[in-house]
């Protein structure tokens, strides 16, 4: 069944809201003098890509994450990067998931798409952090690189948990969406 544009826009809005809410659901983990937050936002960004496809999934991930940045003043300066990076993450995930799927029971490409989308997101974010550290914060190259690598390692660890959680809930979610004729 071909879905109408209205259906796609409504589902994009709903997933944007889920991305926003799930990004607020997080745990702050102290690490040395700083901290990191493990939240459910990236999981719902990737789910958006798998469920809605590349464009609408990317749009819902970008809108929901950007709304979080608007509502949380700590992240307001990251707003344009968040929009672009989250869109790309969900777009890549959705593209790989949708292009290579042979049937609805084939979750392999959903996971491959999620892994590649996450790795591209981490790479983009690391490049941004390195540039900010070097040119805005005027750090020495080695110091900037070490800060960037530290953040990237933490992001990789969080991504492993994100992919594991996604792999666990995706089959259940797909089944429920199909039962209710949402997919």
C-alpha atoms as a PDB file:
ATOM      1  CA  UNK A   1       0.000   0.000   0.000  1.00  0.00           C
ATOM      2  CA  UNK A   2       1.374   3.397  -1.010  1.00  0.00           C
ATOM      3  CA  UNK A   3       1.347   5.900   1.832  1.00  0.00           C
ATOM      4  CA  UNK A   4       0.045   9.429   1.196  1.00  0.00           C
ATOM      5  CA  UNK A   5       2.043  12.579   1.806  1.00  0.00           C
ATOM      6  CA  UNK A   6      -0.259  13.414   4.723  1.00  0.00           C
ATOM      7  CA  UNK A   7       0.500  10.051   6.329  1.00  0.00           C
ATOM      8  CA  UNK A   8       4.240  10.614   5.866  1.00  0.00           C
ATOM      9  CA  UNK A   9       4.084  14.100   7.395  1.00  0.00           C
ATOM     10  CA  UNK A  10       2.020  12.911  10.356  1.00  0.00           C
ATOM     11  CA  UNK A  11       4.401  10.005  11.008  1.00  0.00           C
ATOM     12  CA  UNK A  12       7.367  12.390  10.668  1.00  0.00           C
ATOM     13  CA  UNK A  13       5.790  14.670  13.278  1.00  0.00           C
ATOM     14  CA  UNK A  14       5.091  11.778  15.633  1.00  0.00           C
ATOM     15  CA  UNK A  15       8.631  10.425  15.316  1.00  0.00           C
ATOM     16  CA  UNK A  16      10.033  13.950  15.810  1.00  0.00           C
ATOM     17  CA  UNK A  17       8.134  14.123  19.082  1.00  0.00           C
ATOM     18  CA  UNK A  18       9.484  10.699  20.091  1.00  0.00           C
ATOM     19  CA  UNK A  19      13.026  11.825  19.275  1.00  0.00           C
ATOM     20  CA  UNK A  20      12.574  14.980  21.373  1.00  0.00           C
ATOM     21  CA  UNK A  21      11.090  13.138  24.365  1.00  0.00           C
ATOM     22  CA  UNK A  22      13.583  10.280  24.238  1.00  0.00           C
ATOM     23  CA  UNK A  23      16.501  12.710  24.124  1.00  0.00           C
ATOM     24  CA  UNK A  24      15.289  14.169  27.414  1.00  0.00           C
ATOM     25  CA  UNK A  25      15.282  10.639  28.875  1.00  0.00           C
ATOM     26  CA  UNK A  26      18.912  10.308  29.802  1.00  0.00           C
ATOM     27  CA  UNK A  27      21.362   9.552  32.530  1.00  0.00           C
ATOM     28  CA  UNK A  28      24.337  11.823  33.179  1.00  0.00           C
ATOM     29  CA  UNK A  29      27.512   9.782  33.725  1.00  0.00           C
ATOM     30  CA  UNK A  30      30.440  11.616  35.354  1.00  0.00           C
ATOM     31  CA  UNK A  31      33.805  10.974  33.709  1.00  0.00           C
ATOM     32  CA  UNK A  32      36.752  12.656  35.399  1.00  0.00           C
ATOM     33  CA  UNK A  33      36.243  16.414  35.379  1.00  0.00           C
ATOM     34  CA  UNK A  34      33.478  16.216  32.779  1.00  0.00           C
ATOM     35  CA  UNK A  35      30.421  14.103  32.113  1.00  0.00           C
ATOM     36  CA  UNK A  36      28.513  12.465  29.285  1.00  0.00           C
ATOM     37  CA  UNK A  37      24.829  11.781  28.895  1.00  0.00           C
ATOM     38  CA  UNK A  38      23.481   8.461  27.747  1.00  0.00           C
ATOM     39  CA  UNK A  39      20.041   9.153  26.322  1.00  0.00           C
ATOM     40  CA  UNK A  40      17.585   7.314  24.111  1.00  0.00           C
ATOM     41  CA  UNK A  41      17.569   9.997  21.408  1.00  0.00           C
ATOM     42  CA  UNK A  42      19.959   8.265  19.015  1.00  0.00           C
ATOM     43  CA  UNK A  43      17.925   5.073  19.235  1.00  0.00           C
ATOM     44  CA  UNK A  44      14.781   6.894  18.122  1.00  0.00           C
ATOM     45  CA  UNK A  45      16.727   8.765  15.430  1.00  0.00           C
ATOM     46  CA  UNK A  46      17.805   5.421  13.993  1.00  0.00           C
ATOM     47  CA  UNK A  47      14.298   3.995  14.399  1.00  0.00           C
ATOM     48  CA  UNK A  48      13.014   6.977  12.413  1.00  0.00           C
ATOM     49  CA  UNK A  49      15.325   6.067   9.558  1.00  0.00           C
ATOM     50  CA  UNK A  50      14.314   2.395   9.603  1.00  0.00           C
ATOM     51  CA  UNK A  51      10.577   3.037   9.925  1.00  0.00           C
ATOM     52  CA  UNK A  52      10.113   6.133   7.754  1.00  0.00           C
ATOM     53  CA  UNK A  53      12.911   5.699   5.244  1.00  0.00           C
ATOM     54  CA  UNK A  54      15.775   8.019   4.432  1.00  0.00           C
ATOM     55  CA  UNK A  55      14.137  11.390   3.838  1.00  0.00           C
ATOM     56  CA  UNK A  56      11.273  11.427   6.325  1.00  0.00           C
ATOM     57  CA  UNK A  57      13.304   9.496   8.903  1.00  0.00           C
ATOM     58  CA  UNK A  58      16.163  11.966   8.531  1.00  0.00           C
ATOM     59  CA  UNK A  59      13.760  14.863   8.816  1.00  0.00           C
ATOM     60  CA  UNK A  60      12.145  13.543  11.997  1.00  0.00           C
ATOM     61  CA  UNK A  61      15.547  12.857  13.585  1.00  0.00           C
ATOM     62  CA  UNK A  62      16.766  16.344  12.663  1.00  0.00           C
ATOM     63  CA  UNK A  63      13.630  18.153  13.844  1.00  0.00           C
ATOM     64  CA  UNK A  64      13.304  16.273  17.148  1.00  0.00           C
ATOM     65  CA  UNK A  65      16.992  16.664  18.002  1.00  0.00           C
ATOM     66  CA  UNK A  66      17.018  20.331  17.016  1.00  0.00           C
ATOM     67  CA  UNK A  67      13.975  21.008  19.176  1.00  0.00           C
ATOM     68  CA  UNK A  68      15.870  19.465  22.090  1.00  0.00           C
ATOM     69  CA  UNK A  69      18.776  21.844  21.433  1.00  0.00           C
ATOM     70  CA  UNK A  70      16.379  24.804  21.332  1.00  0.00           C
ATOM     71  CA  UNK A  71      14.822  23.803  24.663  1.00  0.00           C
ATOM     72  CA  UNK A  72      18.166  23.159  26.369  1.00  0.00           C
ATOM     73  CA  UNK A  73      20.364  26.294  26.393  1.00  0.00           C
ATOM     74  CA  UNK A  74      23.566  24.278  26.871  1.00  0.00           C
ATOM     75  CA  UNK A  75      23.237  22.926  23.326  1.00  0.00           C
ATOM     76  CA  UNK A  76      21.904  26.000  21.506  1.00  0.00           C
ATOM     77  CA  UNK A  77      25.239  26.681  19.785  1.00  0.00           C
ATOM     78  CA  UNK A  78      25.226  23.149  18.335  1.00  0.00           C
ATOM     79  CA  UNK A  79      21.805  23.609  16.752  1.00  0.00           C
ATOM     80  CA  UNK A  80      22.780  23.797  13.048  1.00  0.00           C
ATOM     81  CA  UNK A  81      25.231  20.916  13.404  1.00  0.00           C
ATOM     82  CA  UNK A  82      22.663  18.815  15.231  1.00  0.00           C
ATOM     83  CA  UNK A  83      20.129  19.323  12.452  1.00  0.00           C
ATOM     84  CA  UNK A  84      22.556  18.313   9.711  1.00  0.00           C
ATOM     85  CA  UNK A  85      24.336  15.490  11.563  1.00  0.00           C
ATOM     86  CA  UNK A  86      21.161  13.812  12.879  1.00  0.00           C
ATOM     87  CA  UNK A  87      19.531  14.093   9.462  1.00  0.00           C
ATOM     88  CA  UNK A  88      22.527  12.382   7.859  1.00  0.00           C
ATOM     89  CA  UNK A  89      22.615   9.656  10.535  1.00  0.00           C
ATOM     90  CA  UNK A  90      18.947   8.714  10.077  1.00  0.00           C
ATOM     91  CA  UNK A  91      19.127   9.190   6.281  1.00  0.00           C
ATOM     92  CA  UNK A  92      22.016   6.725   5.940  1.00  0.00           C
ATOM     93  CA  UNK A  93      20.302   4.266   8.271  1.00  0.00           C
ATOM     94  CA  UNK A  94      17.001   4.516   6.386  1.00  0.00           C
ATOM     95  CA  UNK A  95      18.622   4.350   2.963  1.00  0.00           C
ATOM     96  CA  UNK A  96      20.575   1.176   3.696  1.00  0.00           C
ATOM     97  CA  UNK A  97      17.632  -0.380   5.521  1.00  0.00           C
ATOM     98  CA  UNK A  98      15.128   0.274   2.743  1.00  0.00           C
ATOM     99  CA  UNK A  99      17.337  -0.320  -0.317  1.00  0.00           C
ATOM    100  CA  UNK A 100      18.660  -3.734   0.681  1.00  0.00           C
ATOM    101  CA  UNK A 101      15.676  -5.283   2.403  1.00  0.00           C
ATOM    102  CA  UNK A 102      14.281  -8.347   0.678  1.00  0.00           C
ATOM    103  CA  UNK A 103      11.353  -8.867   3.062  1.00  0.00           C
ATOM    104  CA  UNK A 104       9.913  -7.500   6.305  1.00  0.00           C
ATOM    105  CA  UNK A 105      11.609 -10.194   8.388  1.00  0.00           C
ATOM    106  CA  UNK A 106      15.107  -9.216   7.178  1.00  0.00           C
ATOM    107  CA  UNK A 107      16.588  -7.137  10.022  1.00  0.00           C
ATOM    108  CA  UNK A 108      20.201  -7.493   8.944  1.00  0.00           C
ATOM    109  CA  UNK A 109      20.206  -4.339   6.833  1.00  0.00           C
ATOM    110  CA  UNK A 110      18.356  -2.408   9.541  1.00  0.00           C
ATOM    111  CA  UNK A 111      21.302  -3.078  11.847  1.00  0.00           C
ATOM    112  CA  UNK A 112      23.906  -2.439   9.131  1.00  0.00           C
ATOM    113  CA  UNK A 113      22.207   0.871   8.367  1.00  0.00           C
ATOM    114  CA  UNK A 114      22.110   1.779  12.057  1.00  0.00           C
ATOM    115  CA  UNK A 115      25.804   0.971  12.504  1.00  0.00           C
ATOM    116  CA  UNK A 116      26.894   2.934   9.421  1.00  0.00           C
ATOM    117  CA  UNK A 117      24.603   5.865  10.223  1.00  0.00           C
ATOM    118  CA  UNK A 118      25.985   5.983  13.769  1.00  0.00           C
ATOM    119  CA  UNK A 119      29.601   5.787  12.598  1.00  0.00           C
ATOM    120  CA  UNK A 120      29.073   8.614  10.129  1.00  0.00           C
ATOM    121  CA  UNK A 121      27.429  10.675  12.888  1.00  0.00           C
ATOM    122  CA  UNK A 122      30.358  10.026  15.247  1.00  0.00           C
ATOM    123  CA  UNK A 123      32.842  10.971  12.517  1.00  0.00           C
ATOM    124  CA  UNK A 124      31.033  14.233  11.698  1.00  0.00           C
ATOM    125  CA  UNK A 125      30.776  15.112  15.367  1.00  0.00           C
ATOM    126  CA  UNK A 126      34.462  14.344  15.976  1.00  0.00           C
ATOM    127  CA  UNK A 127      35.493  16.570  13.067  1.00  0.00           C
ATOM    128  CA  UNK A 128      33.341  19.400  14.444  1.00  0.00           C
ATOM    129  CA  UNK A 129      34.801  19.024  17.954  1.00  0.00           C
ATOM    130  CA  UNK A 130      38.361  18.982  16.608  1.00  0.00           C
ATOM    131  CA  UNK A 131      37.761  22.132  14.563  1.00  0.00           C
ATOM    132  CA  UNK A 132      36.134  23.918  17.519  1.00  0.00           C
ATOM    133  CA  UNK A 133      38.987  22.892  19.825  1.00  0.00           C
ATOM    134  CA  UNK A 134      41.642  24.041  17.370  1.00  0.00           C
ATOM    135  CA  UNK A 135      40.201  27.245  15.982  1.00  0.00           C
ATOM    136  CA  UNK A 136      37.686  28.563  18.524  1.00  0.00           C
ATOM    137  CA  UNK A 137      39.237  27.361  21.767  1.00  0.00           C
ATOM    138  CA  UNK A 138      42.789  27.777  20.402  1.00  0.00           C
ATOM    139  CA  UNK A 139      44.048  24.488  21.846  1.00  0.00           C
ATOM    140  CA  UNK A 140      47.362  22.990  20.832  1.00  0.00           C
ATOM    141  CA  UNK A 141      46.906  20.289  18.187  1.00  0.00           C
ATOM    142  CA  UNK A 142      47.789  17.344  20.442  1.00  0.00           C
ATOM    143  CA  UNK A 143      45.519  18.574  23.241  1.00  0.00           C
ATOM    144  CA  UNK A 144      42.649  19.141  20.827  1.00  0.00           C
ATOM    145  CA  UNK A 145      43.184  15.714  19.309  1.00  0.00           C
ATOM    146  CA  UNK A 146      43.210  14.001  22.720  1.00  0.00           C
ATOM    147  CA  UNK A 147      39.982  15.731  23.784  1.00  0.00           C
ATOM    148  CA  UNK A 148      38.405  14.742  20.478  1.00  0.00           C
ATOM    149  CA  UNK A 149      39.557  11.117  20.738  1.00  0.00           C
ATOM    150  CA  UNK A 150      38.278  10.903  24.312  1.00  0.00           C
ATOM    151  CA  UNK A 151      34.824  12.087  23.237  1.00  0.00           C
ATOM    152  CA  UNK A 152      34.868   9.797  20.219  1.00  0.00           C
ATOM    153  CA  UNK A 153      35.708   6.757  22.345  1.00  0.00           C
ATOM    154  CA  UNK A 154      32.831   7.558  24.692  1.00  0.00           C
ATOM    155  CA  UNK A 155      30.526   7.991  21.681  1.00  0.00           C
ATOM    156  CA  UNK A 156      31.594   4.609  20.312  1.00  0.00           C
ATOM    157  CA  UNK A 157      30.824   2.928  23.634  1.00  0.00           C
ATOM    158  CA  UNK A 158      27.390   4.584  23.767  1.00  0.00           C
ATOM    159  CA  UNK A 159      26.775   3.535  20.160  1.00  0.00           C
ATOM    160  CA  UNK A 160      27.413  -0.127  20.973  1.00  0.00           C
ATOM    161  CA  UNK A 161      24.646   0.031  23.598  1.00  0.00           C
ATOM    162  CA  UNK A 162      22.408   1.926  21.169  1.00  0.00           C
ATOM    163  CA  UNK A 163      22.793  -0.724  18.453  1.00  0.00           C
ATOM    164  CA  UNK A 164      22.232  -3.598  20.914  1.00  0.00           C
ATOM    165  CA  UNK A 165      19.062  -1.958  22.238  1.00  0.00           C
ATOM    166  CA  UNK A 166      17.861  -1.197  18.714  1.00  0.00           C
ATOM    167  CA  UNK A 167      18.440  -4.809  17.640  1.00  0.00           C
ATOM    168  CA  UNK A 168      16.368  -5.998  20.598  1.00  0.00           C
ATOM    169  CA  UNK A 169      13.358  -3.709  20.131  1.00  0.00           C
ATOM    170  CA  UNK A 170      13.178  -3.410  16.346  1.00  0.00           C
ATOM    171  CA  UNK A 171      11.592  -6.820  15.639  1.00  0.00           C
ATOM    172  CA  UNK A 172       8.920  -6.173  18.282  1.00  0.00           C
ATOM    173  CA  UNK A 173       8.253  -2.667  17.028  1.00  0.00           C
ATOM    174  CA  UNK A 174       8.003  -3.756  13.394  1.00  0.00           C
ATOM    175  CA  UNK A 175       5.542  -6.497  14.366  1.00  0.00           C
ATOM    176  CA  UNK A 176       3.333  -4.042  16.271  1.00  0.00           C
ATOM    177  CA  UNK A 177       3.447  -1.473  13.456  1.00  0.00           C
ATOM    178  CA  UNK A 178       2.456  -4.130  10.930  1.00  0.00           C
ATOM    179  CA  UNK A 179      -0.396  -5.395  13.166  1.00  0.00           C
ATOM    180  CA  UNK A 180      -1.799  -1.875  13.362  1.00  0.00           C
ATOM    181  CA  UNK A 181      -1.242  -1.191   9.645  1.00  0.00           C
ATOM    182  CA  UNK A 182       1.305   1.583  10.254  1.00  0.00           C
ATOM    183  CA  UNK A 183       3.987   0.062   8.068  1.00  0.00           C
END
